[in-house]
PDB file of N, CA and C in Angstrom:
ATOM      1  N   MET A   1       0.859  -1.163   0.000  1.00  0.00           N
ATOM      2  CA  MET A   1       0.000   0.000   0.000  1.00  0.00           C
ATOM      3  C   MET A   1       0.890   1.205   0.000  1.00  0.00           C
ATOM      4  N   ASP A   2       0.410   2.265  -0.584  1.00  0.00           N
ATOM      5  CA  ASP A   2       1.261   3.445  -0.604  1.00  0.00           C
ATOM      6  C   ASP A   2       0.448   4.680  -0.303  1.00  0.00           C
ATOM      7  N   SER A   3       1.158   5.757  -0.026  1.00  0.00           N
ATOM      8  CA  SER A   3       0.517   6.993   0.380  1.00  0.00           C
ATOM      9  C   SER A   3       1.334   8.154  -0.144  1.00  0.00           C
ATOM     10  N   GLU A   4       0.638   9.149  -0.677  1.00  0.00           N
ATOM     11  CA  GLU A   4       1.329  10.368  -1.076  1.00  0.00           C
ATOM     12  C   GLU A   4       0.409  11.523  -0.728  1.00  0.00           C
ATOM     13  N   ARG A   5       0.947  12.510  -0.036  1.00  0.00           N
ATOM     14  CA  ARG A   5       0.145  13.665   0.361  1.00  0.00           C
ATOM     15  C   ARG A   5       0.851  14.933  -0.056  1.00  0.00           C
ATOM     16  N   ARG A   6       0.069  15.925  -0.375  1.00  0.00           N
ATOM     17  CA  ARG A   6       0.607  17.246  -0.684  1.00  0.00           C
ATOM     18  C   ARG A   6       0.072  18.205   0.379  1.00  0.00           C
ATOM     19  N   LEU A   7       0.979  18.922   1.018  1.00  0.00           N
ATOM     20  CA  LEU A   7       0.582  19.856   2.063  1.00  0.00           C
ATOM     21  C   LEU A   7       1.077  21.246   1.716  1.00  0.00           C
ATOM     22  N   GLY A   8       0.195  22.205   1.705  1.00  0.00           N
ATOM     23  CA  GLY A   8       0.569  23.594   1.506  1.00  0.00           C
ATOM     24  C   GLY A   8       1.428  23.857   0.282  1.00  0.00           C
ATOM     25  N   GLY A   9       1.143  23.163  -0.807  1.00  0.00           N
ATOM     26  CA  GLY A   9       1.893  23.380  -2.029  1.00  0.00           C
ATOM     27  C   GLY A   9       3.197  22.617  -2.076  1.00  0.00           C
ATOM     28  N   GLY A  10       3.725  22.239  -0.915  1.00  0.00           N
ATOM     29  CA  GLY A  10       4.939  21.426  -0.884  1.00  0.00           C
ATOM     30  C   GLY A  10       4.552  19.977  -1.007  1.00  0.00           C
ATOM     31  N   GLY A  11       5.501  19.127  -0.932  1.00  0.00           N
ATOM     32  CA  GLY A  11       5.180  17.713  -1.036  1.00  0.00           C
ATOM     33  C   GLY A  11       5.781  16.932   0.105  1.00  0.00           C
ATOM     34  N   ARG A  12       5.115  15.916   0.474  1.00  0.00           N
ATOM     35  CA  ARG A  12       5.635  14.976   1.456  1.00  0.00           C
ATOM     36  C   ARG A  12       6.077  13.751   0.666  1.00  0.00           C
ATOM     37  N   PRO A  13       7.208  13.180   0.983  1.00  0.00           N
ATOM     38  CA  PRO A  13       7.662  12.021   0.218  1.00  0.00           C
ATOM     39  C   PRO A  13       6.637  10.888   0.243  1.00  0.00           C
ATOM     40  N   LYS A  14       6.608  10.138  -0.821  1.00  0.00           N
ATOM     41  CA  LYS A  14       5.749   8.961  -0.885  1.00  0.00           C
ATOM     42  C   LYS A  14       6.155   8.032   0.252  1.00  0.00           C
ATOM     43  N   ARG A  15       5.165   7.382   0.858  1.00  0.00           N
ATOM     44  CA  ARG A  15       5.421   6.431   1.936  1.00  0.00           C
ATOM     45  C   ARG A  15       4.749   5.119   1.592  1.00  0.00           C
ATOM     46  N   ALA A  16       5.331   4.036   2.049  1.00  0.00           N
ATOM     47  CA  ALA A  16       4.765   2.716   1.776  1.00  0.00           C
ATOM     48  C   ALA A  16       5.016   1.787   2.953  1.00  0.00           C
ATOM     49  N   ALA A  17       4.141   0.806   3.071  1.00  0.00           N
ATOM     50  CA  ALA A  17       4.303  -0.258   4.054  1.00  0.00           C
ATOM     51  C   ALA A  17       3.877  -1.555   3.385  1.00  0.00           C
ATOM     52  N   ALA A  18       4.529  -2.632   3.760  1.00  0.00           N
ATOM     53  CA  ALA A  18       4.196  -3.944   3.206  1.00  0.00           C
ATOM     54  C   ALA A  18       3.887  -4.898   4.348  1.00  0.00           C
ATOM     55  N   LEU A  19       2.876  -5.726   4.120  1.00  0.00           N
ATOM     56  CA  LEU A  19       2.452  -6.716   5.102  1.00  0.00           C
ATOM     57  C   LEU A  19       2.628  -8.114   4.539  1.00  0.00           C
ATOM     58  N   ARG A  20       2.811  -9.067   5.440  1.00  0.00           N
ATOM     59  CA  ARG A  20       2.806 -10.475   5.064  1.00  0.00           C
ATOM     60  C   ARG A  20       1.843 -11.177   6.008  1.00  0.00           C
ATOM     61  N   TYR A  21       1.033 -12.063   5.440  1.00  0.00           N
ATOM     62  CA  TYR A  21       0.155 -12.886   6.262  1.00  0.00           C
ATOM     63  C   TYR A  21       0.156 -14.300   5.707  1.00  0.00           C
ATOM     64  N   ARG A  22       0.570 -15.238   6.529  1.00  0.00           N
ATOM     65  CA  ARG A  22       0.564 -16.645   6.150  1.00  0.00           C
ATOM     66  C   ARG A  22      -0.489 -17.347   6.995  1.00  0.00           C
ATOM     67  N   ALA A  23      -1.626 -17.634   6.362  1.00  0.00           N
ATOM     68  CA  ALA A  23      -2.715 -18.306   7.063  1.00  0.00           C
ATOM     69  C   ALA A  23      -2.211 -19.628   7.625  1.00  0.00           C
ATOM     70  N   GLY A  24      -2.569 -19.896   8.857  1.00  0.00           N
ATOM     71  CA  GLY A  24      -2.146 -21.118   9.507  1.00  0.00           C
ATOM     72  C   GLY A  24      -0.792 -21.008  10.188  1.00  0.00           C
ATOM     73  N   GLU A  25      -0.021 -19.975   9.855  1.00  0.00           N
ATOM     74  CA  GLU A  25       1.291 -19.771  10.478  1.00  0.00           C
ATOM     75  C   GLU A  25       1.322 -18.511  11.328  1.00  0.00           C
ATOM     76  N   ASP A  26       0.786 -17.423  10.792  1.00  0.00           N
ATOM     77  CA  ASP A  26       0.810 -16.140  11.494  1.00  0.00           C
ATOM     78  C   ASP A  26      -0.501 -15.932  12.234  1.00  0.00           C
ATOM     79  N   ALA A  27      -0.406 -15.461  13.472  1.00  0.00           N
ATOM     80  CA  ALA A  27      -1.613 -15.126  14.223  1.00  0.00           C
ATOM     81  C   ALA A  27      -2.271 -13.874  13.652  1.00  0.00           C
ATOM     82  N   ALA A  28      -1.456 -12.989  13.098  1.00  0.00           N
ATOM     83  CA  ALA A  28      -1.942 -11.738  12.499  1.00  0.00           C
ATOM     84  C   ALA A  28      -0.934 -11.320  11.428  1.00  0.00           C
ATOM     85  N   PRO A  29      -1.356 -10.455  10.504  1.00  0.00           N
ATOM     86  CA  PRO A  29      -0.402  -9.959   9.506  1.00  0.00           C
ATOM     87  C   PRO A  29       0.788  -9.275  10.178  1.00  0.00           C
ATOM     88  N   ARG A  30       1.929  -9.340   9.525  1.00  0.00           N
ATOM     89  CA  ARG A  30       3.164  -8.743  10.037  1.00  0.00           C
ATOM     90  C   ARG A  30       3.663  -7.658   9.089  1.00  0.00           C
ATOM     91  N   VAL A  31       4.289  -6.642   9.660  1.00  0.00           N
ATOM     92  CA  VAL A  31       4.921  -5.585   8.872  1.00  0.00           C
ATOM     93  C   VAL A  31       6.268  -6.123   8.397  1.00  0.00           C
ATOM     94  N   VAL A  32       6.459  -6.158   7.077  1.00  0.00           N
ATOM     95  CA  VAL A  32       7.722  -6.674   6.544  1.00  0.00           C
ATOM     96  C   VAL A  32       8.559  -5.589   5.875  1.00  0.00           C
ATOM     97  N   ALA A  33       7.981  -4.424   5.637  1.00  0.00           N
ATOM     98  CA  ALA A  33       8.750  -3.314   5.063  1.00  0.00           C
ATOM     99  C   ALA A  33       7.997  -2.015   5.279  1.00  0.00           C
ATOM    100  N   THR A  34       8.739  -0.954   5.529  1.00  0.00           N
ATOM    101  CA  THR A  34       8.187   0.400   5.541  1.00  0.00           C
ATOM    102  C   THR A  34       9.265   1.320   4.991  1.00  0.00           C
ATOM    103  N   GLY A  35       8.839   2.424   4.428  1.00  0.00           N
ATOM    104  CA  GLY A  35       9.825   3.373   3.935  1.00  0.00           C
ATOM    105  C   GLY A  35       9.178   4.593   3.334  1.00  0.00           C
ATOM    106  N   SER A  36      10.015   5.586   3.051  1.00  0.00           N
ATOM    107  CA  SER A  36       9.534   6.801   2.397  1.00  0.00           C
ATOM    108  C   SER A  36      10.484   7.154   1.267  1.00  0.00           C
ATOM    109  N   GLY A  37      10.008   8.017   0.387  1.00  0.00           N
ATOM    110  CA  GLY A  37      10.830   8.466  -0.728  1.00  0.00           C
ATOM    111  C   GLY A  37      11.189   7.332  -1.668  1.00  0.00           C
ATOM    112  N   LYS A  38      12.474   7.243  -2.008  1.00  0.00           N
ATOM    113  CA  LYS A  38      12.951   6.222  -2.953  1.00  0.00           C
ATOM    114  C   LYS A  38      12.708   4.811  -2.421  1.00  0.00           C
ATOM    115  N   LEU A  39      12.857   4.617  -1.110  1.00  0.00           N
ATOM    116  CA  LEU A  39      12.612   3.300  -0.535  1.00  0.00           C
ATOM    117  C   LEU A  39      11.145   2.907  -0.711  1.00  0.00           C
ATOM    118  N   ALA A  40      10.232   3.842  -0.492  1.00  0.00           N
ATOM    119  CA  ALA A  40       8.809   3.567  -0.700  1.00  0.00           C
ATOM    120  C   ALA A  40       8.547   3.199  -2.154  1.00  0.00           C
ATOM    121  N   GLU A  41       9.153   3.936  -3.066  1.00  0.00           N
ATOM    122  CA  GLU A  41       8.980   3.630  -4.489  1.00  0.00           C
ATOM    123  C   GLU A  41       9.470   2.221  -4.800  1.00  0.00           C
ATOM    124  N   ARG A  42      10.574   1.814  -4.178  1.00  0.00           N
ATOM    125  CA  ARG A  42      11.114   0.469  -4.420  1.00  0.00           C
ATOM    126  C   ARG A  42      10.207  -0.598  -3.817  1.00  0.00           C
ATOM    127  N   ILE A  43       9.658  -0.354  -2.636  1.00  0.00           N
ATOM    128  CA  ILE A  43       8.718  -1.296  -2.016  1.00  0.00           C
ATOM    129  C   ILE A  43       7.527  -1.507  -2.941  1.00  0.00           C
ATOM    130  N   ILE A  44       6.995  -0.424  -3.473  1.00  0.00           N
ATOM    131  CA  ILE A  44       5.847  -0.496  -4.375  1.00  0.00           C
ATOM    132  C   ILE A  44       6.228  -1.225  -5.660  1.00  0.00           C
ATOM    133  N   GLU A  45       7.393  -0.924  -6.197  1.00  0.00           N
ATOM    134  CA  GLU A  45       7.858  -1.572  -7.426  1.00  0.00           C
ATOM    135  C   GLU A  45       7.991  -3.088  -7.226  1.00  0.00           C
ATOM    136  N   ILE A  46       8.592  -3.498  -6.122  1.00  0.00           N
ATOM    137  CA  ILE A  46       8.757  -4.925  -5.834  1.00  0.00           C
ATOM    138  C   ILE A  46       7.397  -5.602  -5.707  1.00  0.00           C
ATOM    139  N   ALA A  47       6.471  -4.950  -5.020  1.00  0.00           N
ATOM    140  CA  ALA A  47       5.128  -5.512  -4.869  1.00  0.00           C
ATOM    141  C   ALA A  47       4.469  -5.704  -6.227  1.00  0.00           C
ATOM    142  N   ARG A  48       4.525  -4.693  -7.050  1.00  0.00           N
ATOM    143  CA  ARG A  48       3.890  -4.793  -8.370  1.00  0.00           C
ATOM    144  C   ARG A  48       4.545  -5.870  -9.226  1.00  0.00           C
ATOM    145  N   GLU A  49       5.878  -5.948  -9.186  1.00  0.00           N
ATOM    146  CA  GLU A  49       6.589  -6.985  -9.948  1.00  0.00           C
ATOM    147  C   GLU A  49       6.180  -8.383  -9.494  1.00  0.00           C
ATOM    148  N   ALA A  50       5.877  -8.527  -8.213  1.00  0.00           N
ATOM    149  CA  ALA A  50       5.478  -9.818  -7.658  1.00  0.00           C
ATOM    150  C   ALA A  50       3.984 -10.082  -7.817  1.00  0.00           C
ATOM    151  N   GLY A  51       3.259  -9.130  -8.394  1.00  0.00           N
ATOM    152  CA  GLY A  51       1.822  -9.298  -8.574  1.00  0.00           C
ATOM    153  C   GLY A  51       1.013  -9.043  -7.323  1.00  0.00           C
ATOM    154  N   VAL A  52       1.615  -8.367  -6.358  1.00  0.00           N
ATOM    155  CA  VAL A  52       0.923  -8.048  -5.109  1.00  0.00           C
ATOM    156  C   VAL A  52       0.125  -6.766  -5.315  1.00  0.00           C
ATOM    157  N   PRO A  53      -1.167  -6.774  -4.971  1.00  0.00           N
ATOM    158  CA  PRO A  53      -1.967  -5.560  -5.121  1.00  0.00           C
ATOM    159  C   PRO A  53      -1.419  -4.417  -4.266  1.00  0.00           C
ATOM    160  N   VAL A  54      -1.478  -3.216  -4.797  1.00  0.00           N
ATOM    161  CA  VAL A  54      -1.008  -2.009  -4.106  1.00  0.00           C
ATOM    162  C   VAL A  54      -2.196  -1.077  -3.955  1.00  0.00           C
ATOM    163  N   ARG A  55      -2.417  -0.610  -2.749  1.00  0.00           N
ATOM    164  CA  ARG A  55      -3.557   0.273  -2.477  1.00  0.00           C
ATOM    165  C   ARG A  55      -3.086   1.467  -1.670  1.00  0.00           C
ATOM    166  N   GLU A  56      -3.635   2.635  -1.968  1.00  0.00           N
ATOM    167  CA  GLU A  56      -3.298   3.847  -1.218  1.00  0.00           C
ATOM    168  C   GLU A  56      -4.209   3.989  -0.007  1.00  0.00           C
ATOM    169  N   ASP A  57      -3.603   4.170   1.152  1.00  0.00           N
ATOM    170  CA  ASP A  57      -4.333   4.400   2.398  1.00  0.00           C
ATOM    171  C   ASP A  57      -3.375   5.102   3.360  1.00  0.00           C
ATOM    172  N   ALA A  58      -3.360   6.427   3.303  1.00  0.00           N
ATOM    173  CA  ALA A  58      -2.398   7.226   4.066  1.00  0.00           C
ATOM    174  C   ALA A  58      -2.468   6.955   5.565  1.00  0.00           C
ATOM    175  N   ALA A  59      -3.667   6.859   6.116  1.00  0.00           N
ATOM    176  CA  ALA A  59      -3.803   6.643   7.560  1.00  0.00           C
ATOM    177  C   ALA A  59      -3.235   5.289   7.971  1.00  0.00           C
ATOM    178  N   LEU A  60      -3.499   4.263   7.177  1.00  0.00           N
ATOM    179  CA  LEU A  60      -2.988   2.940   7.508  1.00  0.00           C
ATOM    180  C   LEU A  60      -1.471   2.885   7.355  1.00  0.00           C
ATOM    181  N   VAL A  61      -0.932   3.499   6.306  1.00  0.00           N
ATOM    182  CA  VAL A  61       0.525   3.550   6.139  1.00  0.00           C
ATOM    183  C   VAL A  61       1.160   4.253   7.339  1.00  0.00           C
ATOM    184  N   ASP A  62       0.572   5.351   7.784  1.00  0.00           N
ATOM    185  CA  ASP A  62       1.107   6.062   8.951  1.00  0.00           C
ATOM    186  C   ASP A  62       1.134   5.153  10.181  1.00  0.00           C
ATOM    187  N   ALA A  63       0.043   4.426  10.414  1.00  0.00           N
ATOM    188  CA  ALA A  63      -0.034   3.542  11.579  1.00  0.00           C
ATOM    189  C   ALA A  63       0.964   2.389  11.464  1.00  0.00           C
ATOM    190  N   LEU A  64       1.049   1.778  10.291  1.00  0.00           N
ATOM    191  CA  LEU A  64       1.960   0.649  10.103  1.00  0.00           C
ATOM    192  C   LEU A  64       3.417   1.076  10.206  1.00  0.00           C
ATOM    193  N   SER A  65       3.706   2.288   9.790  1.00  0.00           N
ATOM    194  CA  SER A  65       5.084   2.788   9.827  1.00  0.00           C
ATOM    195  C   SER A  65       5.590   2.991  11.253  1.00  0.00           C
ATOM    196  N   GLN A  66       4.684   3.046  12.213  1.00  0.00           N
ATOM    197  CA  GLN A  66       5.068   3.204  13.618  1.00  0.00           C
ATOM    198  C   GLN A  66       5.481   1.876  14.253  1.00  0.00           C
ATOM    199  N   LEU A  67       5.169   0.770  13.579  1.00  0.00           N
ATOM    200  CA  LEU A  67       5.465  -0.552  14.127  1.00  0.00           C
ATOM    201  C   LEU A  67       6.870  -0.999  13.738  1.00  0.00           C
ATOM    202  N   GLU A  68       7.438  -1.888  14.537  1.00  0.00           N
ATOM    203  CA  GLU A  68       8.750  -2.446  14.229  1.00  0.00           C
ATOM    204  C   GLU A  68       8.619  -3.464  13.104  1.00  0.00           C
ATOM    205  N   LEU A  69       9.662  -3.594  12.300  1.00  0.00           N
ATOM    206  CA  LEU A  69       9.665  -4.609  11.254  1.00  0.00           C
ATOM    207  C   LEU A  69       9.523  -5.988  11.890  1.00  0.00           C
ATOM    208  N   GLY A  70       8.681  -6.804  11.302  1.00  0.00           N
ATOM    209  CA  GLY A  70       8.435  -8.143  11.817  1.00  0.00           C
ATOM    210  C   GLY A  70       7.331  -8.209  12.844  1.00  0.00           C
ATOM    211  N   ALA A  71       6.870  -7.055  13.314  1.00  0.00           N
ATOM    212  CA  ALA A  71       5.828  -7.023  14.343  1.00  0.00           C
ATOM    213  C   ALA A  71       4.474  -7.394  13.752  1.00  0.00           C
ATOM    214  N   GLU A  72       3.700  -8.144  14.541  1.00  0.00           N
ATOM    215  CA  GLU A  72       2.314  -8.386  14.155  1.00  0.00           C
ATOM    216  C   GLU A  72       1.543  -7.090  14.335  1.00  0.00           C
ATOM    217  N   ILE A  73       0.551  -6.896  13.484  1.00  0.00           N
ATOM    218  CA  ILE A  73      -0.266  -5.697  13.648  1.00  0.00           C
ATOM    219  C   ILE A  73      -1.039  -5.808  14.956  1.00  0.00           C
ATOM    220  N   PRO A  74      -1.249  -4.701  15.653  1.00  0.00           N
ATOM    221  CA  PRO A  74      -1.990  -4.735  16.913  1.00  0.00           C
ATOM    222  C   PRO A  74      -3.493  -4.840  16.652  1.00  0.00           C
ATOM    223  N   PRO A  75      -4.241  -5.312  17.646  1.00  0.00           N
ATOM    224  CA  PRO A  75      -5.685  -5.483  17.480  1.00  0.00           C
ATOM    225  C   PRO A  75      -6.409  -4.236  16.982  1.00  0.00           C
ATOM    226  N   GLU A  76      -5.932  -3.047  17.349  1.00  0.00           N
ATOM    227  CA  GLU A  76      -6.636  -1.835  16.911  1.00  0.00           C
ATOM    228  C   GLU A  76      -6.538  -1.620  15.397  1.00  0.00           C
ATOM    229  N   LEU A  77      -5.648  -2.335  14.714  1.00  0.00           N
ATOM    230  CA  LEU A  77      -5.547  -2.222  13.249  1.00  0.00           C
ATOM    231  C   LEU A  77      -6.202  -3.396  12.524  1.00  0.00           C
ATOM    232  N   TYR A  78      -6.739  -4.361  13.267  1.00  0.00           N
ATOM    233  CA  TYR A  78      -7.334  -5.540  12.630  1.00  0.00           C
ATOM    234  C   TYR A  78      -8.411  -5.174  11.608  1.00  0.00           C
ATOM    235  N   ALA A  79      -9.322  -4.284  11.966  1.00  0.00           N
ATOM    236  CA  ALA A  79     -10.427  -3.957  11.053  1.00  0.00           C
ATOM    237  C   ALA A  79      -9.909  -3.333   9.761  1.00  0.00           C
ATOM    238  N   ALA A  80      -8.980  -2.390   9.871  1.00  0.00           N
ATOM    239  CA  ALA A  80      -8.446  -1.729   8.674  1.00  0.00           C
ATOM    240  C   ALA A  80      -7.684  -2.708   7.796  1.00  0.00           C
ATOM    241  N   VAL A  81      -6.894  -3.582   8.408  1.00  0.00           N
ATOM    242  CA  VAL A  81      -6.122  -4.550   7.624  1.00  0.00           C
ATOM    243  C   VAL A  81      -7.039  -5.635   7.063  1.00  0.00           C
ATOM    244  N   ALA A  82      -8.062  -6.027   7.808  1.00  0.00           N
ATOM    245  CA  ALA A  82      -9.021  -7.002   7.285  1.00  0.00           C
ATOM    246  C   ALA A  82      -9.702  -6.458   6.032  1.00  0.00           C
ATOM    247  N   GLU A  83     -10.062  -5.190   6.056  1.00  0.00           N
ATOM    248  CA  GLU A  83     -10.666  -4.554   4.878  1.00  0.00           C
ATOM    249  C   GLU A  83      -9.694  -4.594   3.699  1.00  0.00           C
ATOM    250  N   LEU A  84      -8.433  -4.330   3.962  1.00  0.00           N
ATOM    251  CA  LEU A  84      -7.401  -4.377   2.929  1.00  0.00           C
ATOM    252  C   LEU A  84      -7.266  -5.792   2.361  1.00  0.00           C
ATOM    253  N   LEU A  85      -7.252  -6.800   3.225  1.00  0.00           N
ATOM    254  CA  LEU A  85      -7.118  -8.178   2.757  1.00  0.00           C
ATOM    255  C   LEU A  85      -8.324  -8.621   1.942  1.00  0.00           C
ATOM    256  N   VAL A  86      -9.511  -8.241   2.364  1.00  0.00           N
ATOM    257  CA  VAL A  86     -10.712  -8.565   1.591  1.00  0.00           C
ATOM    258  C   VAL A  86     -10.610  -7.947   0.205  1.00  0.00           C
ATOM    259  N   TRP A  87     -10.171  -6.708   0.142  1.00  0.00           N
ATOM    260  CA  TRP A  87      -9.986  -6.025  -1.147  1.00  0.00           C
ATOM    261  C   TRP A  87      -8.967  -6.772  -2.004  1.00  0.00           C
ATOM    262  N   ALA A  88      -7.818  -7.111  -1.425  1.00  0.00           N
ATOM    263  CA  ALA A  88      -6.756  -7.783  -2.187  1.00  0.00           C
ATOM    264  C   ALA A  88      -7.194  -9.168  -2.647  1.00  0.00           C
ATOM    265  N   TYR A  89      -7.809  -9.937  -1.768  1.00  0.00           N
ATOM    266  CA  TYR A  89      -8.246 -11.278  -2.143  1.00  0.00           C
ATOM    267  C   TYR A  89      -9.333 -11.224  -3.207  1.00  0.00           C
ATOM    268  N   GLY A  90     -10.148 -10.187  -3.172  1.00  0.00           N
ATOM    269  CA  GLY A  90     -11.184 -10.022  -4.189  1.00  0.00           C
ATOM    270  C   GLY A  90     -10.618  -9.744  -5.567  1.00  0.00           C
ATOM    271  N   LEU A  91      -9.419  -9.172  -5.625  1.00  0.00           N
ATOM    272  CA  LEU A  91      -8.783  -8.865  -6.904  1.00  0.00           C
ATOM    273  C   LEU A  91      -8.135 -10.074  -7.545  1.00  0.00           C
ATOM    274  N   ASP A  92      -7.667 -11.012  -6.748  1.00  0.00           N
ATOM    275  CA  ASP A  92      -6.856 -12.104  -7.275  1.00  0.00           C
ATOM    276  C   ASP A  92      -7.358 -13.443  -6.764  1.00  0.00           C
ATOM    277  N   VAL A  93      -8.010 -14.187  -7.623  1.00  0.00           N
ATOM    278  CA  VAL A  93      -8.570 -15.480  -7.236  1.00  0.00           C
ATOM    279  C   VAL A  93      -7.478 -16.446  -6.784  1.00  0.00           C
ATOM    280  N   SER A  94      -6.244 -16.283  -7.259  1.00  0.00           N
ATOM    281  CA  SER A  94      -5.169 -17.192  -6.861  1.00  0.00           C
ATOM    282  C   SER A  94      -4.783 -17.019  -5.396  1.00  0.00           C
ATOM    283  N   LEU A  95      -5.153 -15.906  -4.779  1.00  0.00           N
ATOM    284  CA  LEU A  95      -4.862 -15.679  -3.369  1.00  0.00           C
ATOM    285  C   LEU A  95      -5.893 -16.327  -2.452  1.00  0.00           C
ATOM    286  N   ARG A  96      -7.013 -16.732  -3.016  1.00  0.00           N
ATOM    287  CA  ARG A  96      -8.084 -17.308  -2.207  1.00  0.00           C
ATOM    288  C   ARG A  96      -7.773 -18.754  -1.847  1.00  0.00           C
ATOM    289  N   SER A  97      -8.371 -19.203  -0.766  1.00  0.00           N
ATOM    290  CA  SER A  97      -8.203 -20.602  -0.383  1.00  0.00           C
ATOM    291  C   SER A  97      -8.923 -21.476  -1.406  1.00  0.00           C
ATOM    292  N   PRO A  98      -8.505 -22.729  -1.577  1.00  0.00           N
ATOM    293  CA  PRO A  98      -9.141 -23.606  -2.564  1.00  0.00           C
ATOM    294  C   PRO A  98     -10.647 -23.745  -2.350  1.00  0.00           C
ATOM    295  N   GLU A  99     -11.102 -23.698  -1.103  1.00  0.00           N
ATOM    296  CA  GLU A  99     -12.537 -23.828  -0.823  1.00  0.00           C
ATOM    297  C   GLU A  99     -13.342 -22.653  -1.363  1.00  0.00           C
ATOM    298  N   ASP A 100     -12.702 -21.481  -1.477  1.00  0.00           N
ATOM    299  CA  ASP A 100     -13.403 -20.269  -1.910  1.00  0.00           C
ATOM    300  C   ASP A 100     -13.315 -20.023  -3.408  1.00  0.00           C
ATOM    301  N   ARG A 101     -12.555 -20.827  -4.128  1.00  0.00           N
ATOM    302  CA  ARG A 101     -12.398 -20.614  -5.578  1.00  0.00           C
ATOM    303  C   ARG A 101     -13.568 -21.130  -6.343  1.00  0.00           C
TER     304      ARG A 101
END
């Protein structure tokens, strides 16, 4: 997911965060990358090259960027991340479990 905001005519660098969730292994999604500027652009580029959906959500990127790398998302972010996962799984049938295909 990525975020870009413009404030007062100036610009804030693009920011990005990446999550990983392995059903059956992870209790909750984990933050695997965060960055701004060129690093954010590279995170987004890698995601797109891998076929991972990219979505803009500035508030969620801000919250995820406060977490340590490898950290599970806290319960207060479950609803926002669940919405993101539903969106991503809806885009790509290959991400769905075999029972849901």
